[in-house]
Amino acid sequence: MAAEIGAVVGDWWQDINESTQWQDGIFYTLCAAYALVSSVALIQFIRIELRVPENGLTTQKVFHFMNFIVNAVRAVAFGFHKQVFIMHPKALVLIFLDLPGLLFFSTYTLLVLFWAETNHQATSLPTDKFRVVYISVNAAMYFIQVCIWVYLWIDDNSVVELIGKIFIAVVSILAALGFMVYGG
C-alpha cells in the first residue's frame, strides 16, 4: 500500500518536473506573487513618505524601499526565467539569481538593526556602533560575493560556484540568527 502511494506521488512529481507548462505556470505564479508583494512595499513607502516627508529617510522607509527592490528583482527573475537561464557568461545568471538573496539579507539585517537599536534604547544601552556594524557586515558580504562573481566570470569553476552557494546559505543563516537574537 505505502509503495503504491509512493509510486503514484513519485510519478506525479516526475510529470510536473518534466512539464514545461507546469514549470512556466509555477514561475509566472511566483512572478505575480513577488510583484504583488513588491507593489505593496512600494505603496507603503509612498504612503509613509507622503505622510511624513520632513523625516527624510527613516529606517522604516528604507526597509519598505529595500523590500520593494528585493521583490521586484525576484519578480523579474521569475517572469523572465527563460531568458535568465540562457544568459552568458554563467556568472551573469548567478548574479541575477543571487542578488535578490543578498538584498534580502541587507533588508532584514536592517530590520534586525532597528530591533537592536530599539531594544538597547529601551534599556538605556549605547547604540552608536550598531549602524557601523550593519554597514561593515553588509559591505564585507557584498565584497566577498562580488569577488566570487568576478572569479566565476573569469573562470567558470564548479567548486567556486558551490562556494558561492554555500556563502549565500551562510548569509541566510546569519540573518536568521539575527532574528533569533533580536526579533524573538
C-alpha atoms as a PDB file:
ATOM      1  CA  MET A   1       0.000   0.000   0.000  1.00  0.00           C
ATOM      2  CA  ALA A   2       2.705   2.504   1.015  1.00  0.00           C
ATOM      3  CA  ALA A   3       4.785   1.519  -2.013  1.00  0.00           C
ATOM      4  CA  GLU A   4       1.821   2.156  -4.330  1.00  0.00           C
ATOM      5  CA  ILE A   5       1.205   5.586  -2.805  1.00  0.00           C
ATOM      6  CA  GLY A   6       4.918   6.366  -3.098  1.00  0.00           C
ATOM      7  CA  ALA A   7       4.890   5.348  -6.757  1.00  0.00           C
ATOM      8  CA  VAL A   8       1.826   7.489  -7.518  1.00  0.00           C
ATOM      9  CA  VAL A   9       3.297  10.512  -5.722  1.00  0.00           C
ATOM     10  CA  GLY A  10       6.672   9.962  -7.380  1.00  0.00           C
ATOM     11  CA  ASP A  11       5.051   9.688 -10.824  1.00  0.00           C
ATOM     12  CA  TRP A  12       3.008  12.814 -10.166  1.00  0.00           C
ATOM     13  CA  TRP A  13       6.095  14.781  -9.219  1.00  0.00           C
ATOM     14  CA  GLN A  14       8.051  13.425 -12.179  1.00  0.00           C
ATOM     15  CA  ASP A  15       5.245  14.510 -14.540  1.00  0.00           C
ATOM     16  CA  ILE A  16       5.270  18.026 -13.106  1.00  0.00           C
ATOM     17  CA  ASN A  17       9.059  18.200 -13.031  1.00  0.00           C
ATOM     18  CA  GLU A  18       9.310  17.297 -16.726  1.00  0.00           C
ATOM     19  CA  SER A  19       6.433  19.529 -17.874  1.00  0.00           C
ATOM     20  CA  THR A  20       7.469  22.929 -19.230  1.00  0.00           C
ATOM     21  CA  GLN A  21       3.848  24.072 -18.911  1.00  0.00           C
ATOM     22  CA  TRP A  22       3.835  23.321 -15.183  1.00  0.00           C
ATOM     23  CA  GLN A  23       7.237  24.968 -14.729  1.00  0.00           C
ATOM     24  CA  ASP A  24       6.150  28.067 -16.644  1.00  0.00           C
ATOM     25  CA  GLY A  25       2.940  28.236 -14.623  1.00  0.00           C
ATOM     26  CA  ILE A  26       4.846  27.966 -11.352  1.00  0.00           C
ATOM     27  CA  PHE A  27       7.414  30.583 -12.403  1.00  0.00           C
ATOM     28  CA  TYR A  28       4.716  33.017 -13.575  1.00  0.00           C
ATOM     29  CA  THR A  29       2.710  32.459 -10.381  1.00  0.00           C
ATOM     30  CA  LEU A  30       5.820  33.251  -8.337  1.00  0.00           C
ATOM     31  CA  CYS A  31       6.406  36.298 -10.551  1.00  0.00           C
ATOM     32  CA  ALA A  32       2.888  37.544  -9.822  1.00  0.00           C
ATOM     33  CA  ALA A  33       3.243  36.888  -6.079  1.00  0.00           C
ATOM     34  CA  TYR A  34       6.571  38.729  -5.839  1.00  0.00           C
ATOM     35  CA  ALA A  35       5.208  41.576  -7.985  1.00  0.00           C
ATOM     36  CA  LEU A  36       2.242  41.891  -5.616  1.00  0.00           C
ATOM     37  CA  VAL A  37       4.475  41.985  -2.528  1.00  0.00           C
ATOM     38  CA  SER A  38       6.763  44.463  -4.289  1.00  0.00           C
ATOM     39  CA  SER A  39       3.790  46.686  -5.132  1.00  0.00           C
ATOM     40  CA  VAL A  40       2.557  46.633  -1.540  1.00  0.00           C
ATOM     41  CA  ALA A  41       6.029  47.592  -0.296  1.00  0.00           C
ATOM     42  CA  LEU A  42       6.214  50.461  -2.798  1.00  0.00           C
ATOM     43  CA  ILE A  43       2.741  51.678  -1.832  1.00  0.00           C
ATOM     44  CA  GLN A  44       3.716  51.587   1.850  1.00  0.00           C
ATOM     45  CA  PHE A  45       6.907  53.512   1.102  1.00  0.00           C
ATOM     46  CA  ILE A  46       4.962  56.173  -0.823  1.00  0.00           C
ATOM     47  CA  ARG A  47       2.266  56.420   1.883  1.00  0.00           C
ATOM     48  CA  ILE A  48       4.861  56.919   4.617  1.00  0.00           C
ATOM     49  CA  GLU A  49       6.767  59.460   2.518  1.00  0.00           C
ATOM     50  CA  LEU A  50       3.594  61.445   1.813  1.00  0.00           C
ATOM     51  CA  ARG A  51       2.538  61.316   5.468  1.00  0.00           C
ATOM     52  CA  VAL A  52       5.856  62.487   6.960  1.00  0.00           C
ATOM     53  CA  PRO A  53       8.176  63.828   4.242  1.00  0.00           C
ATOM     54  CA  GLU A  54      10.032  66.012   6.731  1.00  0.00           C
ATOM     55  CA  ASN A  55      11.586  62.974   8.458  1.00  0.00           C
ATOM     56  CA  GLY A  56      13.827  62.145   5.493  1.00  0.00           C
ATOM     57  CA  LEU A  57      14.927  58.560   5.092  1.00  0.00           C
ATOM     58  CA  THR A  58      13.915  56.672   8.200  1.00  0.00           C
ATOM     59  CA  THR A  59      14.644  53.017   8.882  1.00  0.00           C
ATOM     60  CA  GLN A  60      11.006  52.224   8.118  1.00  0.00           C
ATOM     61  CA  LYS A  61      11.115  53.979   4.742  1.00  0.00           C
ATOM     62  CA  VAL A  62      14.395  52.329   3.771  1.00  0.00           C
ATOM     63  CA  PHE A  63      13.034  48.932   4.840  1.00  0.00           C
ATOM     64  CA  HIS A  64       9.952  49.275   2.623  1.00  0.00           C
ATOM     65  CA  PHE A  65      12.006  50.578  -0.288  1.00  0.00           C
ATOM     66  CA  MET A  66      14.501  47.709   0.017  1.00  0.00           C
ATOM     67  CA  ASN A  67      11.597  45.245   0.212  1.00  0.00           C
ATOM     68  CA  PHE A  68      10.250  46.769  -2.996  1.00  0.00           C
ATOM     69  CA  ILE A  69      13.616  46.315  -4.742  1.00  0.00           C
ATOM     70  CA  VAL A  70      14.158  42.724  -3.497  1.00  0.00           C
ATOM     71  CA  ASN A  71      10.725  41.551  -4.557  1.00  0.00           C
ATOM     72  CA  ALA A  72      10.781  43.453  -7.864  1.00  0.00           C
ATOM     73  CA  VAL A  73      14.091  41.817  -8.824  1.00  0.00           C
ATOM     74  CA  ARG A  74      12.704  38.404  -7.894  1.00  0.00           C
ATOM     75  CA  ALA A  75       9.525  39.072  -9.896  1.00  0.00           C
ATOM     76  CA  VAL A  76      11.636  39.971 -12.935  1.00  0.00           C
ATOM     77  CA  ALA A  77      13.792  36.865 -12.454  1.00  0.00           C
ATOM     78  CA  PHE A  78      10.732  34.603 -12.330  1.00  0.00           C
ATOM     79  CA  GLY A  79       8.901  36.467 -15.095  1.00  0.00           C
ATOM     80  CA  PHE A  80      11.843  36.233 -17.484  1.00  0.00           C
ATOM     81  CA  HIS A  81      13.111  32.853 -16.258  1.00  0.00           C
ATOM     82  CA  LYS A  82      13.687  31.502 -19.769  1.00  0.00           C
ATOM     83  CA  GLN A  83      15.935  34.427 -20.659  1.00  0.00           C
ATOM     84  CA  VAL A  84      17.680  34.386 -17.279  1.00  0.00           C
ATOM     85  CA  PHE A  85      18.769  30.759 -17.540  1.00  0.00           C
ATOM     86  CA  ILE A  86      20.318  31.177 -21.012  1.00  0.00           C
ATOM     87  CA  MET A  87      22.418  34.266 -20.186  1.00  0.00           C
ATOM     88  CA  HIS A  88      26.126  34.045 -20.945  1.00  0.00           C
ATOM     89  CA  PRO A  89      28.548  34.039 -19.256  1.00  0.00           C
ATOM     90  CA  LYS A  90      27.140  31.878 -16.496  1.00  0.00           C
ATOM     91  CA  ALA A  91      28.302  34.427 -13.926  1.00  0.00           C
ATOM     92  CA  LEU A  92      25.511  36.737 -15.154  1.00  0.00           C
ATOM     93  CA  VAL A  93      22.936  34.060 -14.344  1.00  0.00           C
ATOM     94  CA  LEU A  94      24.397  33.670 -10.867  1.00  0.00           C
ATOM     95  CA  ILE A  95      24.445  37.435 -10.318  1.00  0.00           C
ATOM     96  CA  PHE A  96      20.807  37.703 -11.330  1.00  0.00           C
ATOM     97  CA  LEU A  97      19.793  34.755  -9.127  1.00  0.00           C
ATOM     98  CA  ASP A  98      21.999  35.576  -6.105  1.00  0.00           C
ATOM     99  CA  LEU A  99      21.439  39.329  -5.936  1.00  0.00           C
ATOM    100  CA  PRO A 100      17.885  39.129  -4.522  1.00  0.00           C
ATOM    101  CA  GLY A 101      19.156  36.888  -1.707  1.00  0.00           C
ATOM    102  CA  LEU A 102      21.879  39.381  -0.851  1.00  0.00           C
ATOM    103  CA  LEU A 103      19.446  42.279  -0.956  1.00  0.00           C
ATOM    104  CA  PHE A 104      17.084  40.237   1.221  1.00  0.00           C
ATOM    105  CA  PHE A 105      19.910  39.824   3.732  1.00  0.00           C
ATOM    106  CA  SER A 106      20.538  43.584   3.744  1.00  0.00           C
ATOM    107  CA  THR A 107      16.829  44.323   4.087  1.00  0.00           C
ATOM    108  CA  TYR A 108      16.264  42.039   7.020  1.00  0.00           C
ATOM    109  CA  THR A 109      19.512  42.864   8.768  1.00  0.00           C
ATOM    110  CA  LEU A 110      18.229  46.449   8.595  1.00  0.00           C
ATOM    111  CA  LEU A 111      15.161  45.212  10.450  1.00  0.00           C
ATOM    112  CA  VAL A 112      17.410  43.471  12.988  1.00  0.00           C
ATOM    113  CA  LEU A 113      19.354  46.737  13.320  1.00  0.00           C
ATOM    114  CA  PHE A 114      16.099  48.559  14.051  1.00  0.00           C
ATOM    115  CA  TRP A 115      15.105  45.980  16.666  1.00  0.00           C
ATOM    116  CA  ALA A 116      18.554  46.015  18.268  1.00  0.00           C
ATOM    117  CA  GLU A 117      18.578  49.818  18.447  1.00  0.00           C
ATOM    118  CA  THR A 118      15.065  49.853  19.896  1.00  0.00           C
ATOM    119  CA  ASN A 119      15.967  47.166  22.435  1.00  0.00           C
ATOM    120  CA  HIS A 120      19.132  48.945  23.542  1.00  0.00           C
ATOM    121  CA  GLN A 121      17.480  52.374  23.671  1.00  0.00           C
ATOM    122  CA  ALA A 122      14.704  50.956  25.867  1.00  0.00           C
ATOM    123  CA  THR A 123      17.311  49.682  28.321  1.00  0.00           C
ATOM    124  CA  SER A 124      19.470  52.844  28.080  1.00  0.00           C
ATOM    125  CA  LEU A 125      22.358  50.986  26.461  1.00  0.00           C
ATOM    126  CA  PRO A 126      24.522  52.646  23.784  1.00  0.00           C
ATOM    127  CA  THR A 127      23.527  52.118  20.135  1.00  0.00           C
ATOM    128  CA  ASP A 128      26.178  54.173  18.358  1.00  0.00           C
ATOM    129  CA  LYS A 129      28.106  51.190  16.942  1.00  0.00           C
ATOM    130  CA  PHE A 130      25.120  49.279  15.508  1.00  0.00           C
ATOM    131  CA  ARG A 131      24.967  51.218  12.237  1.00  0.00           C
ATOM    132  CA  VAL A 132      28.723  50.868  11.729  1.00  0.00           C
ATOM    133  CA  VAL A 133      28.415  47.112  12.252  1.00  0.00           C
ATOM    134  CA  TYR A 134      25.439  46.947   9.861  1.00  0.00           C
ATOM    135  CA  ILE A 135      27.323  48.794   7.128  1.00  0.00           C
ATOM    136  CA  SER A 136      30.549  46.840   7.720  1.00  0.00           C
ATOM    137  CA  VAL A 137      28.861  43.429   7.659  1.00  0.00           C
ATOM    138  CA  ASN A 138      26.921  44.274   4.517  1.00  0.00           C
ATOM    139  CA  ALA A 139      29.975  45.766   2.786  1.00  0.00           C
ATOM    140  CA  ALA A 140      32.030  42.662   3.612  1.00  0.00           C
ATOM    141  CA  MET A 141      29.261  40.368   2.389  1.00  0.00           C
ATOM    142  CA  TYR A 142      28.902  42.221  -0.924  1.00  0.00           C
ATOM    143  CA  PHE A 143      32.686  42.383  -1.365  1.00  0.00           C
ATOM    144  CA  ILE A 144      33.054  38.625  -0.896  1.00  0.00           C
ATOM    145  CA  GLN A 145      30.150  37.884  -3.241  1.00  0.00           C
ATOM    146  CA  VAL A 146      31.463  40.261  -5.923  1.00  0.00           C
ATOM    147  CA  CYS A 147      34.858  38.530  -5.693  1.00  0.00           C
ATOM    148  CA  ILE A 148      33.123  35.174  -6.239  1.00  0.00           C
ATOM    149  CA  TRP A 149      31.211  36.544  -9.244  1.00  0.00           C
ATOM    150  CA  VAL A 150      34.354  38.080 -10.777  1.00  0.00           C
ATOM    151  CA  TYR A 151      36.241  34.816 -10.354  1.00  0.00           C
ATOM    152  CA  LEU A 152      33.379  32.889 -11.975  1.00  0.00           C
ATOM    153  CA  TRP A 153      33.278  35.430 -14.810  1.00  0.00           C
ATOM    154  CA  ILE A 154      36.981  34.815 -15.473  1.00  0.00           C
ATOM    155  CA  ASP A 155      36.990  31.053 -14.827  1.00  0.00           C
ATOM    156  CA  ASP A 156      33.695  29.125 -14.744  1.00  0.00           C
ATOM    157  CA  ASN A 157      34.596  26.774 -11.909  1.00  0.00           C
ATOM    158  CA  SER A 158      32.053  24.430 -10.321  1.00  0.00           C
ATOM    159  CA  VAL A 159      33.911  24.415  -6.987  1.00  0.00           C
ATOM    160  CA  VAL A 160      33.782  28.219  -6.741  1.00  0.00           C
ATOM    161  CA  GLU A 161      30.129  28.122  -7.792  1.00  0.00           C
ATOM    162  CA  LEU A 162      29.468  25.697  -4.915  1.00  0.00           C
ATOM    163  CA  ILE A 163      31.373  28.007  -2.558  1.00  0.00           C
ATOM    164  CA  GLY A 164      29.126  30.852  -3.744  1.00  0.00           C
ATOM    165  CA  LYS A 165      26.014  28.797  -2.984  1.00  0.00           C
ATOM    166  CA  ILE A 166      27.354  27.894   0.450  1.00  0.00           C
ATOM    167  CA  PHE A 167      28.165  31.563   1.062  1.00  0.00           C
ATOM    168  CA  ILE A 168      24.579  32.580   0.252  1.00  0.00           C
ATOM    169  CA  ALA A 169      23.310  29.834   2.593  1.00  0.00           C
ATOM    170  CA  VAL A 170      25.594  31.007   5.413  1.00  0.00           C
ATOM    171  CA  VAL A 171      24.494  34.618   4.881  1.00  0.00           C
ATOM    172  CA  SER A 172      20.862  33.487   5.146  1.00  0.00           C
ATOM    173  CA  ILE A 173      21.570  31.542   8.340  1.00  0.00           C
ATOM    174  CA  LEU A 174      23.281  34.590   9.845  1.00  0.00           C
ATOM    175  CA  ALA A 175      20.219  36.706   9.079  1.00  0.00           C
ATOM    176  CA  ALA A 176      18.047  34.075  10.776  1.00  0.00           C
ATOM    177  CA  LEU A 177      20.342  34.122  13.824  1.00  0.00           C
ATOM    178  CA  GLY A 178      19.995  37.903  13.993  1.00  0.00           C
ATOM    179  CA  PHE A 179      16.236  37.440  14.033  1.00  0.00           C
ATOM    180  CA  MET A 180      16.526  34.882  16.822  1.00  0.00           C
ATOM    181  CA  VAL A 181      18.687  37.160  18.959  1.00  0.00           C
ATOM    182  CA  TYR A 182      16.823  40.451  18.489  1.00  0.00           C
ATOM    183  CA  GLY A 183      13.472  39.532  16.965  1.00  0.00           C
ATOM    184  CA  GLY A 184      12.072  36.994  19.330  1.00  0.00           C
END
